[in-house]
Every structure is written in structure tokens, then in C-alpha cells.
Amino acid sequence: MKIAVSIVLAVVTGVDGTKDISKGNAIVVLVLLCLYSAGFGWSWGPLTWLIPSEIFPVKIRTTGQSIAVAVQFIIIFVLSQTFLTMLCHMKFGAFVFYAFWVIVMTLFVIFFLPETKGIPLESMYTIWGRHWFWSRYVKGQEVLENLP
């Protein structure tokens, strides 16, 4: 959706963003942004709460969740404070910038977050210990080979 918004804005307002946008095109941009917000609310939005609650072992769950929430709030604050400035300077490129980060986040999830479905919370060290990347950082816990 972000790419669609950036394309519409680039075509309608020009690459330099100096042309005025018509009411019809403004409605198209508004609908695309609403669709993006709805999609975000159904996909990436809840993941910022779900993933930290599932990936931390029981011993550090409360600390890990607290840090994850604090980092999330700081990032949201920074994004909300910088978006209008980015939009004024980068024009439609601000949406391309955020679309790039959605791609990076997706790749991170695919390659660096192991599947935790059906795994008991007590076995999180095992999951992290068997992961191709995180296994070099998870030390001191026995890695069980019989878990799915």
C-alpha cells in the first residue's frame, strides 16, 4: 500500500511535489492510507505485542516484555515526530522509505525468528539454541533434539 500511495503522489504531484492534488486524487490517497492502516492493524501492529510475549523464556519474560514495550514506544514517538518533516522534504519518497523498512522487517522475521507454535514457554532456550543464527548467543541451556 505504501508503494501505491507513493506512486499516486509521484504521478499526481510530480516528482518534486509542487503540483496541487485534485479532490479525486486526494480521496484515492486517503482510501489507500486507510487500507494500509487496516492492513497494519491486522498484521504488523499486533505482532509488536505478540512476538515478545512468545519468544522470551519464562525466567526473563517480564523483563524482556518491558524492554520490548519501551523500545516500541520510543520508536513510535520518533516516527510520529519525524514523519511530517520527512513528508515535506522527501515528498512521496517518505512512503518508499517506510515500504523499504517493511521489506526489511519481513525478511528479518522470515530468517531470524523461529517458529514457536506448539512449543511450551519453558522450552524457548531450546528453540533459540537450535536456530542457525541465535544458537551462538544462547549458552548454558541443554538443546533438546526431540522437540518439533
C-alpha atoms as a PDB file:
ATOM      1  CA  MET A   1       0.000   0.000   0.000  1.00  0.00           C
ATOM      2  CA  LYS A   2       2.836   2.367   0.765  1.00  0.00           C
ATOM      3  CA  ILE A   3       4.237   1.882  -2.697  1.00  0.00           C
ATOM      4  CA  ALA A   4       0.764   2.529  -4.166  1.00  0.00           C
ATOM      5  CA  VAL A   5       0.495   5.762  -2.141  1.00  0.00           C
ATOM      6  CA  SER A   6       3.942   6.878  -3.278  1.00  0.00           C
ATOM      7  CA  ILE A   7       3.138   6.119  -6.925  1.00  0.00           C
ATOM      8  CA  VAL A   8      -0.129   8.073  -6.791  1.00  0.00           C
ATOM      9  CA  LEU A   9       1.575  11.005  -5.076  1.00  0.00           C
ATOM     10  CA  ALA A  10       4.509  10.969  -7.513  1.00  0.00           C
ATOM     11  CA  VAL A  11       2.222  10.892 -10.556  1.00  0.00           C
ATOM     12  CA  VAL A  12      -0.275  13.435  -9.266  1.00  0.00           C
ATOM     13  CA  THR A  13       2.021  15.968  -7.581  1.00  0.00           C
ATOM     14  CA  GLY A  14       5.084  15.430  -9.720  1.00  0.00           C
ATOM     15  CA  VAL A  15       8.436  14.167  -8.630  1.00  0.00           C
ATOM     16  CA  ASP A  16       9.264  17.462  -6.962  1.00  0.00           C
ATOM     17  CA  GLY A  17       5.835  17.611  -5.259  1.00  0.00           C
ATOM     18  CA  THR A  18       4.959  21.113  -6.497  1.00  0.00           C
ATOM     19  CA  LYS A  19       1.691  20.347  -8.323  1.00  0.00           C
ATOM     20  CA  ASP A  20      -1.609  20.587  -6.481  1.00  0.00           C
ATOM     21  CA  ILE A  21      -3.583  17.424  -5.870  1.00  0.00           C
ATOM     22  CA  SER A  22      -7.205  17.247  -7.017  1.00  0.00           C
ATOM     23  CA  LYS A  23     -10.044  16.225  -4.719  1.00  0.00           C
ATOM     24  CA  GLY A  24     -10.480  12.884  -6.521  1.00  0.00           C
ATOM     25  CA  ASN A  25      -6.800  12.022  -6.215  1.00  0.00           C
ATOM     26  CA  ALA A  26      -6.825  13.099  -2.577  1.00  0.00           C
ATOM     27  CA  ILE A  27      -9.662  10.629  -1.964  1.00  0.00           C
ATOM     28  CA  VAL A  28      -7.647   7.874  -3.676  1.00  0.00           C
ATOM     29  CA  VAL A  29      -4.679   8.624  -1.398  1.00  0.00           C
ATOM     30  CA  LEU A  30      -6.963   8.698   1.649  1.00  0.00           C
ATOM     31  CA  VAL A  31      -8.529   5.335   0.740  1.00  0.00           C
ATOM     32  CA  LEU A  32      -5.082   3.796   0.178  1.00  0.00           C
ATOM     33  CA  LEU A  33      -3.878   5.097   3.535  1.00  0.00           C
ATOM     34  CA  CYS A  34      -6.999   3.735   5.239  1.00  0.00           C
ATOM     35  CA  LEU A  35      -6.424   0.336   3.613  1.00  0.00           C
ATOM     36  CA  TYR A  36      -2.813   0.432   4.776  1.00  0.00           C
ATOM     37  CA  SER A  37      -3.885   1.280   8.331  1.00  0.00           C
ATOM     38  CA  ALA A  38      -6.417  -1.552   8.353  1.00  0.00           C
ATOM     39  CA  GLY A  39      -3.861  -3.999   6.991  1.00  0.00           C
ATOM     40  CA  PHE A  40      -1.293  -2.872   9.537  1.00  0.00           C
ATOM     41  CA  GLY A  41      -3.821  -3.297  12.338  1.00  0.00           C
ATOM     42  CA  TRP A  42      -4.472  -6.876  11.227  1.00  0.00           C
ATOM     43  CA  SER A  43      -0.842  -7.853  10.573  1.00  0.00           C
ATOM     44  CA  TRP A  44       2.237  -5.965  11.792  1.00  0.00           C
ATOM     45  CA  GLY A  45       0.550  -3.930  14.527  1.00  0.00           C
ATOM     46  CA  PRO A  46      -0.332  -6.815  16.862  1.00  0.00           C
ATOM     47  CA  LEU A  47       2.993  -8.550  16.225  1.00  0.00           C
ATOM     48  CA  THR A  48       4.821  -5.955  18.304  1.00  0.00           C
ATOM     49  CA  TRP A  49       2.886  -7.302  21.300  1.00  0.00           C
ATOM     50  CA  LEU A  50       2.611 -10.955  20.306  1.00  0.00           C
ATOM     51  CA  ILE A  51       6.185 -11.824  19.392  1.00  0.00           C
ATOM     52  CA  PRO A  52       7.827 -10.539  22.607  1.00  0.00           C
ATOM     53  CA  SER A  53       5.263 -12.425  24.684  1.00  0.00           C
ATOM     54  CA  GLU A  54       6.171 -15.700  22.941  1.00  0.00           C
ATOM     55  CA  ILE A  55       9.918 -15.584  22.401  1.00  0.00           C
ATOM     56  CA  PHE A  56      11.271 -14.878  25.877  1.00  0.00           C
ATOM     57  CA  PRO A  57      11.976 -17.748  28.247  1.00  0.00           C
ATOM     58  CA  VAL A  58       9.985 -17.794  31.490  1.00  0.00           C
ATOM     59  CA  LYS A  59      12.920 -16.523  33.601  1.00  0.00           C
ATOM     60  CA  ILE A  60      13.251 -13.254  31.701  1.00  0.00           C
ATOM     61  CA  ARG A  61       9.749 -12.871  30.245  1.00  0.00           C
ATOM     62  CA  THR A  62       8.695  -9.822  32.296  1.00  0.00           C
ATOM     63  CA  THR A  63      11.995  -8.010  31.746  1.00  0.00           C
ATOM     64  CA  GLY A  64      12.048  -8.825  28.042  1.00  0.00           C
ATOM     65  CA  GLN A  65       8.441  -7.745  27.538  1.00  0.00           C
ATOM     66  CA  SER A  66       9.088  -4.491  29.425  1.00  0.00           C
ATOM     67  CA  ILE A  67      12.114  -3.672  27.295  1.00  0.00           C
ATOM     68  CA  ALA A  68      10.255  -4.566  24.093  1.00  0.00           C
ATOM     69  CA  VAL A  69       7.327  -2.283  25.002  1.00  0.00           C
ATOM     70  CA  ALA A  70       9.644   0.566  25.997  1.00  0.00           C
ATOM     71  CA  VAL A  71      11.570   0.319  22.717  1.00  0.00           C
ATOM     72  CA  GLN A  72       8.288   0.165  20.797  1.00  0.00           C
ATOM     73  CA  PHE A  73       7.006   3.361  22.459  1.00  0.00           C
ATOM     74  CA  ILE A  74      10.286   5.185  21.814  1.00  0.00           C
ATOM     75  CA  ILE A  75      10.260   4.199  18.142  1.00  0.00           C
ATOM     76  CA  ILE A  76       6.619   5.218  17.728  1.00  0.00           C
ATOM     77  CA  PHE A  77       7.429   8.586  19.317  1.00  0.00           C
ATOM     78  CA  VAL A  78      10.393   9.146  16.972  1.00  0.00           C
ATOM     79  CA  LEU A  79       8.357   8.118  13.915  1.00  0.00           C
ATOM     80  CA  SER A  80       5.447  10.370  14.824  1.00  0.00           C
ATOM     81  CA  GLN A  81       7.756  13.322  15.423  1.00  0.00           C
ATOM     82  CA  THR A  82       9.691  12.910  12.177  1.00  0.00           C
ATOM     83  CA  PHE A  83       7.008  11.856   9.677  1.00  0.00           C
ATOM     84  CA  LEU A  84       5.759  15.324   8.709  1.00  0.00           C
ATOM     85  CA  THR A  85       9.296  16.634   8.257  1.00  0.00           C
ATOM     86  CA  MET A  86      10.129  13.616   6.113  1.00  0.00           C
ATOM     87  CA  LEU A  87       6.959  14.121   4.078  1.00  0.00           C
ATOM     88  CA  CYS A  88       7.814  17.792   3.475  1.00  0.00           C
ATOM     89  CA  HIS A  89      11.402  17.061   2.424  1.00  0.00           C
ATOM     90  CA  MET A  90      11.143  13.651   0.768  1.00  0.00           C
ATOM     91  CA  LYS A  91       7.597  14.033  -0.659  1.00  0.00           C
ATOM     92  CA  PHE A  92       6.376  10.646  -1.925  1.00  0.00           C
ATOM     93  CA  GLY A  93       9.805   9.200  -1.063  1.00  0.00           C
ATOM     94  CA  ALA A  94       8.780   9.051   2.607  1.00  0.00           C
ATOM     95  CA  PHE A  95       6.374   6.244   1.747  1.00  0.00           C
ATOM     96  CA  VAL A  96       9.059   4.447  -0.260  1.00  0.00           C
ATOM     97  CA  PHE A  97      11.363   4.774   2.767  1.00  0.00           C
ATOM     98  CA  TYR A  98       8.783   3.135   5.048  1.00  0.00           C
ATOM     99  CA  ALA A  99       7.978   0.461   2.449  1.00  0.00           C
ATOM    100  CA  PHE A 100      11.672  -0.424   2.393  1.00  0.00           C
ATOM    101  CA  TRP A 101      11.606  -0.935   6.166  1.00  0.00           C
ATOM    102  CA  VAL A 102       8.535  -3.156   5.883  1.00  0.00           C
ATOM    103  CA  ILE A 103      10.530  -5.341   3.481  1.00  0.00           C
ATOM    104  CA  VAL A 104      13.471  -5.395   5.918  1.00  0.00           C
ATOM    105  CA  MET A 105      11.142  -6.343   8.799  1.00  0.00           C
ATOM    106  CA  THR A 106       9.593  -9.122   6.748  1.00  0.00           C
ATOM    107  CA  LEU A 107      12.995 -10.550   5.854  1.00  0.00           C
ATOM    108  CA  PHE A 108      14.078 -10.335   9.496  1.00  0.00           C
ATOM    109  CA  VAL A 109      11.022 -12.282  10.623  1.00  0.00           C
ATOM    110  CA  ILE A 110      11.495 -14.917   7.922  1.00  0.00           C
ATOM    111  CA  PHE A 111      15.183 -15.529   8.620  1.00  0.00           C
ATOM    112  CA  PHE A 112      15.703 -14.665  12.293  1.00  0.00           C
ATOM    113  CA  LEU A 113      12.535 -15.569  14.206  1.00  0.00           C
ATOM    114  CA  PRO A 114      11.976 -19.270  14.783  1.00  0.00           C
ATOM    115  CA  GLU A 115       8.501 -20.780  14.771  1.00  0.00           C
ATOM    116  CA  THR A 116       7.123 -21.058  18.317  1.00  0.00           C
ATOM    117  CA  LYS A 117       3.781 -22.679  17.559  1.00  0.00           C
ATOM    118  CA  GLY A 118       3.105 -25.582  19.927  1.00  0.00           C
ATOM    119  CA  ILE A 119       6.336 -25.036  21.867  1.00  0.00           C
ATOM    120  CA  PRO A 120       5.971 -24.724  25.659  1.00  0.00           C
ATOM    121  CA  LEU A 121       7.290 -21.495  27.161  1.00  0.00           C
ATOM    122  CA  GLU A 122       9.792 -23.474  29.216  1.00  0.00           C
ATOM    123  CA  SER A 123      11.436 -24.701  26.001  1.00  0.00           C
ATOM    124  CA  MET A 124      12.294 -21.336  24.461  1.00  0.00           C
ATOM    125  CA  TYR A 125      16.010 -21.789  25.192  1.00  0.00           C
ATOM    126  CA  THR A 126      15.847 -24.974  23.140  1.00  0.00           C
ATOM    127  CA  ILE A 127      14.272 -23.209  20.168  1.00  0.00           C
ATOM    128  CA  TRP A 128      16.816 -20.389  20.264  1.00  0.00           C
ATOM    129  CA  GLY A 129      19.630 -22.882  20.790  1.00  0.00           C
ATOM    130  CA  ARG A 130      18.654 -24.777  17.612  1.00  0.00           C
ATOM    131  CA  HIS A 131      18.315 -21.657  15.427  1.00  0.00           C
ATOM    132  CA  TRP A 132      21.033 -21.178  12.795  1.00  0.00           C
ATOM    133  CA  PHE A 133      21.908 -17.638  13.942  1.00  0.00           C
ATOM    134  CA  TRP A 134      20.866 -17.304  17.577  1.00  0.00           C
ATOM    135  CA  SER A 135      22.454 -20.587  18.688  1.00  0.00           C
ATOM    136  CA  ARG A 136      25.841 -18.857  19.034  1.00  0.00           C
ATOM    137  CA  TYR A 137      24.350 -16.451  21.624  1.00  0.00           C
ATOM    138  CA  VAL A 138      22.212 -18.872  23.658  1.00  0.00           C
ATOM    139  CA  LYS A 139      24.572 -20.565  26.108  1.00  0.00           C
ATOM    140  CA  GLY A 140      24.167 -22.667  29.218  1.00  0.00           C
ATOM    141  CA  GLN A 141      20.948 -24.476  28.289  1.00  0.00           C
ATOM    142  CA  GLU A 142      20.696 -28.008  27.002  1.00  0.00           C
ATOM    143  CA  VAL A 143      19.389 -28.171  23.442  1.00  0.00           C
ATOM    144  CA  LEU A 144      16.875 -30.981  23.169  1.00  0.00           C
ATOM    145  CA  GLU A 145      16.701 -32.684  19.797  1.00  0.00           C
ATOM    146  CA  ASN A 146      13.267 -34.264  20.319  1.00  0.00           C
ATOM    147  CA  LEU A 147      11.259 -31.025  20.145  1.00  0.00           C
ATOM    148  CA  PRO A 148       9.455 -30.262  16.883  1.00  0.00           C
END
